[in-house]
Protein backbone atom coordinates (compact mmCIF):
# COMPACT_ATOMS: atom_id res chain seq x y z
CA MET A 1 -21.33 -7.08 0.04
CA GLY A 2 -19.67 -10.18 1.42
CA VAL A 3 -16.24 -8.59 1.82
CA GLY A 4 -14.62 -8.74 5.27
CA CYS A 5 -12.81 -5.47 4.62
CA GLY A 6 -11.65 -2.65 6.85
CA ILE A 7 -12.33 1.08 6.89
CA MET A 8 -9.64 2.47 4.59
CA ASP A 9 -11.71 3.05 1.45
CA GLN A 10 -14.63 4.55 3.33
CA PHE A 11 -12.45 6.87 5.42
CA ALA A 12 -10.39 7.97 2.42
CA SER A 13 -13.55 8.79 0.47
CA ALA A 14 -15.17 10.72 3.31
CA LEU A 15 -12.25 12.30 5.17
CA GLY A 16 -9.73 13.19 2.49
CA ARG A 17 -8.21 16.66 2.62
CA ARG A 18 -6.70 18.53 -0.31
CA ASP A 19 -2.90 18.23 -0.47
CA HIS A 20 -2.73 15.82 2.49
CA ALA A 21 -2.18 12.12 2.93
CA LEU A 22 -4.45 10.34 5.40
CA ARG A 23 -3.01 8.33 8.27
CA ILE A 24 -5.78 6.08 9.61
CA ASP A 25 -5.68 4.15 12.87
CA CYS A 26 -8.06 1.28 12.20
CA ARG A 27 -8.47 0.44 15.89
CA SER A 28 -9.18 3.88 17.36
CA GLN A 29 -10.46 5.26 14.03
CA ALA A 30 -8.34 8.36 14.62
CA VAL A 31 -7.30 10.25 11.49
CA THR A 32 -4.23 12.43 10.97
CA HIS A 33 -3.72 14.58 7.88
CA VAL A 34 -0.10 14.75 6.68
CA PRO A 35 0.90 17.40 4.11
CA LEU A 36 1.32 16.10 0.54
CA PRO A 37 1.79 19.27 -1.56
CA ARG A 38 0.81 18.94 -5.21
CA ASP A 39 3.30 21.61 -6.27
CA ARG A 40 6.06 19.11 -5.37
CA VAL A 41 4.55 15.71 -6.01
CA ARG A 42 1.78 13.97 -7.91
CA ILE A 43 0.31 10.49 -7.54
CA LEU A 44 0.26 8.37 -10.66
CA ILE A 45 -2.23 5.48 -10.73
CA VAL A 46 -1.84 2.73 -13.33
CA HIS A 47 -4.30 -0.13 -13.83
CA SER A 48 -2.77 -3.56 -14.39
CA GLY A 49 -5.81 -4.80 -16.28
CA VAL A 50 -6.08 -7.74 -13.87
CA ARG A 51 -9.42 -7.88 -12.09
CA ARG A 52 -9.64 -9.15 -8.52
CA ALA A 53 -12.48 -10.63 -6.45
CA LEU A 54 -11.94 -9.58 -2.84
CA ALA A 55 -14.90 -11.51 -1.44
CA GLN A 56 -13.11 -14.80 -1.98
CA GLY A 57 -9.73 -16.39 -2.47
CA GLY A 58 -6.46 -14.80 -1.48
CA TYR A 59 -7.80 -11.77 0.37
CA VAL A 60 -9.73 -13.92 2.84
CA GLU A 61 -6.79 -16.29 3.18
CA ARG A 62 -4.44 -13.44 4.11
CA ARG A 63 -6.90 -12.04 6.63
CA ASP A 64 -7.38 -15.45 8.23
CA ALA A 65 -3.62 -16.07 8.29
CA CYS A 66 -3.05 -12.82 10.17
CA ARG A 67 -5.68 -13.75 12.72
CA ALA A 68 -4.17 -17.22 13.10
CA ALA A 69 -0.68 -15.78 13.61
CA ALA A 70 -1.98 -13.44 16.31
CA ALA A 71 -3.83 -16.31 18.01
CA GLU A 72 -0.67 -18.47 18.08
CA ALA A 73 1.36 -15.60 19.48
CA ARG A 74 -1.27 -15.07 22.16
CA ALA A 75 -1.30 -18.77 23.01
CA ALA A 76 2.48 -18.58 23.43
CA GLY A 77 2.05 -15.89 26.08
CA MET A 78 2.64 -12.76 24.00
CA PRO A 79 0.33 -9.83 24.89
CA VAL A 80 -1.42 -9.48 21.54
CA ASP A 81 -5.00 -9.03 20.40
CA ALA A 82 -3.99 -8.35 16.79
CA LEU A 83 -0.69 -8.23 14.94
CA ARG A 84 -0.59 -4.47 15.30
CA ASP A 85 0.23 -4.99 18.97
CA LEU A 86 3.60 -6.44 17.98
CA GLY A 87 6.73 -4.63 16.84
CA GLU A 88 9.79 -5.53 14.83
CA GLY A 89 11.53 -6.52 18.05
CA ASP A 90 9.02 -9.36 18.44
CA LEU A 91 9.94 -11.02 15.14
CA PRO A 92 12.65 -13.31 16.62
CA ALA A 93 10.09 -14.72 19.07
CA LEU A 94 7.58 -15.22 16.26
CA GLU A 95 10.19 -17.08 14.23
CA ARG A 96 10.30 -19.69 16.99
CA ILE A 97 6.56 -20.32 17.17
CA LEU A 98 5.03 -19.69 13.73
CA ALA A 99 5.01 -21.87 10.65
CA PRO A 100 6.88 -20.31 7.70
CA VAL A 101 3.78 -19.06 5.88
CA LEU A 102 2.25 -17.49 8.99
CA LEU A 103 5.60 -15.92 9.84
CA ARG A 104 5.82 -14.27 6.43
CA ARG A 105 2.29 -12.91 6.72
CA ALA A 106 2.94 -11.57 10.23
CA ARG A 107 6.30 -10.11 9.26
CA HIS A 108 4.70 -8.14 6.44
CA VAL A 109 2.02 -6.67 8.68
CA ILE A 110 4.40 -5.77 11.49
CA ARG A 111 6.97 -4.16 9.23
CA GLU A 112 4.33 -2.44 7.11
CA ASN A 113 2.85 -0.80 10.20
CA ALA A 114 6.31 0.48 11.07
CA ARG A 115 6.76 1.71 7.49
CA VAL A 116 3.54 3.71 7.71
CA GLU A 117 4.83 5.59 10.74
CA ARG A 118 8.18 6.23 9.07
CA PHE A 119 6.48 7.30 5.85
CA CYS A 120 4.35 9.85 7.72
CA ALA A 121 7.41 11.21 9.51
CA ASP A 122 9.35 11.44 6.25
CA LEU A 123 6.44 13.13 4.52
CA ALA A 124 6.03 15.65 7.34
CA ALA A 125 9.74 16.42 7.01
CA GLY A 126 9.41 16.85 3.25
CA ASP A 127 11.81 13.99 2.51
CA LEU A 128 10.17 12.56 -0.60
CA ALA A 129 13.15 10.35 -1.46
CA ALA A 130 12.74 8.58 1.87
CA CYS A 131 8.99 8.27 1.24
CA GLY A 132 9.74 6.59 -2.07
CA ALA A 133 12.09 4.15 -0.37
CA ARG A 134 9.28 3.16 2.01
CA LEU A 135 6.99 2.48 -0.96
CA ARG A 136 9.60 0.27 -2.60
CA GLU A 137 10.22 -1.61 0.65
CA GLY A 138 6.48 -2.14 1.03
CA MET A 139 6.15 -3.46 -2.49
CA ARG A 140 8.97 -5.94 -1.93
CA SER A 141 7.25 -7.16 1.22
CA LEU A 142 3.88 -7.42 -0.54
CA ARG A 143 5.54 -9.52 -3.22
CA GLU A 144 7.74 -11.76 -1.05
CA ASP A 145 6.11 -11.96 2.40
CA PHE A 146 2.42 -11.29 1.78
CA GLU A 147 2.51 -12.77 -1.73
CA VAL A 148 -0.32 -10.69 -3.19
CA SER A 149 1.38 -9.31 -6.28
CA THR A 150 1.08 -10.45 -9.91
CA PRO A 151 3.50 -10.29 -12.87
CA GLU A 152 1.62 -7.26 -14.18
CA LEU A 153 1.85 -5.39 -10.87
CA ASP A 154 5.52 -6.30 -10.53
CA ALA A 155 6.19 -4.99 -14.02
CA LEU A 156 4.39 -1.69 -13.44
CA CYS A 157 6.37 -1.04 -10.26
CA GLU A 158 9.65 -2.01 -11.89
CA LEU A 159 8.91 0.27 -14.83
CA GLY A 160 7.82 3.07 -12.54
CA ASP A 161 10.90 2.94 -10.35
CA ALA A 162 13.08 3.14 -13.46
CA GLN A 163 11.53 6.44 -14.60
CA PRO A 164 13.30 9.76 -13.85
CA GLY A 165 11.41 11.69 -11.20
CA VAL A 166 9.63 8.67 -9.68
CA TYR A 167 10.36 8.42 -5.96
CA GLY A 168 8.79 5.01 -5.45
CA SER A 169 6.06 2.58 -6.49
CA ARG A 170 3.87 -0.10 -4.96
CA LEU A 171 0.62 -1.92 -5.58
CA THR A 172 -2.54 -0.55 -4.01
CA GLY A 173 -5.20 -2.15 -1.85
CA ALA A 174 -5.36 -5.90 -1.40
CA GLY A 175 -3.33 -6.85 -4.46
CA PHE A 176 -4.08 -9.84 -6.73
CA GLY A 177 -4.62 -7.29 -9.51
CA GLY A 178 -5.94 -3.77 -9.60
CA CYS A 179 -3.64 -0.76 -9.66
CA THR A 180 -0.20 0.48 -8.78
CA LEU A 181 0.63 3.80 -7.15
CA HIS A 182 3.68 5.87 -8.08
CA LEU A 183 4.91 8.90 -6.13
CA VAL A 184 6.27 11.25 -8.79
CA GLU A 185 7.95 14.64 -8.90
CA ALA A 186 5.27 17.04 -10.17
CA GLN A 187 7.25 18.22 -13.19
CA ALA A 188 8.06 14.66 -14.29
CA VAL A 189 4.65 13.04 -14.06
CA GLU A 190 3.61 13.15 -17.73
CA THR A 191 6.93 11.73 -18.92
CA ALA A 192 6.82 9.03 -16.25
CA ALA A 193 3.27 8.10 -17.21
CA ALA A 194 4.25 7.69 -20.85
CA GLY A 195 7.32 5.63 -19.94
CA ILE A 196 5.39 3.25 -17.72
CA ALA A 197 2.53 2.79 -20.19
CA GLY A 198 4.88 2.26 -23.12
CA GLY A 199 7.04 -0.23 -21.26
CA PHE A 200 4.01 -2.20 -20.10
CA GLU A 201 2.57 -2.29 -23.62
CA ALA A 202 5.87 -3.62 -24.96
CA ARG A 203 5.76 -6.49 -22.45
CA PHE A 204 2.06 -7.37 -22.36
CA GLY A 205 0.71 -6.15 -25.69
CA ARG A 206 -1.80 -3.69 -24.26
CA ARG A 207 -1.59 -0.13 -23.01
CA PRO A 208 -2.71 0.29 -19.37
CA PRO A 209 -5.07 3.06 -18.22
CA VAL A 210 -3.13 5.79 -16.41
CA TRP A 211 -4.44 8.56 -14.16
CA VAL A 212 -2.48 11.56 -12.89
CA THR A 213 -3.90 12.55 -9.52
CA ALA A 214 -3.26 14.63 -6.42
CA ALA A 215 -4.58 14.37 -2.89
CA SER A 216 -8.04 15.95 -2.84
CA ASP A 217 -10.92 16.68 -0.50
CA GLY A 218 -13.27 13.82 0.33
CA ALA A 219 -16.87 13.51 -0.76
CA GLU A 220 -19.27 16.23 0.26
CA ALA A 221 -22.90 17.14 -0.24
CA LEU A 222 -23.51 19.44 -3.20
CA ALA A 223 -26.24 22.06 -3.11
CA PRO A 224 -28.89 21.50 -5.79
């Protein structure tokens, strides 16, 4: 299809498990299921109305920038095949060798990988407030370091985080449009959905599509 994408969408579609989040290791392709109970939390998806074209433009630029940052780190003697081989402790060294744009891209990836691990640990411990904080941190990084957000996505996350019962919000996928994800207390999800949609309509003059979801099983063959 002309998109140099990874395995996330395919794995999520095929390997999802009811009431579990999916931690995917894109190098080893190992999958871990982390409990995400629908009696406590729901996932609210809101469409920004901004369409994106992943086969060109910003998505490819971000991918190439990450590869370039890893190559420069390797040339400087750091043991790295990809940015995932680096940790937050390596950021001071990267600051000395990378141009500002490449540093921001690398910093997002490195810190986001760390956030994923912390999110999974928080989720396993049932600390949904901490999970929400990770989502908000990730959104800030996507906006400021990876620079893949839009005014519509920013607004949806801002509106979401202001709603009672919303633990945290962030854009989904590659950004540049598409949807936002909101982790919401189960009993508050309908009120939060109405608040987000109404606030967005007041700002942009159109009401966004909203879906209330929960973690579900992946695709399976159905008997005729």
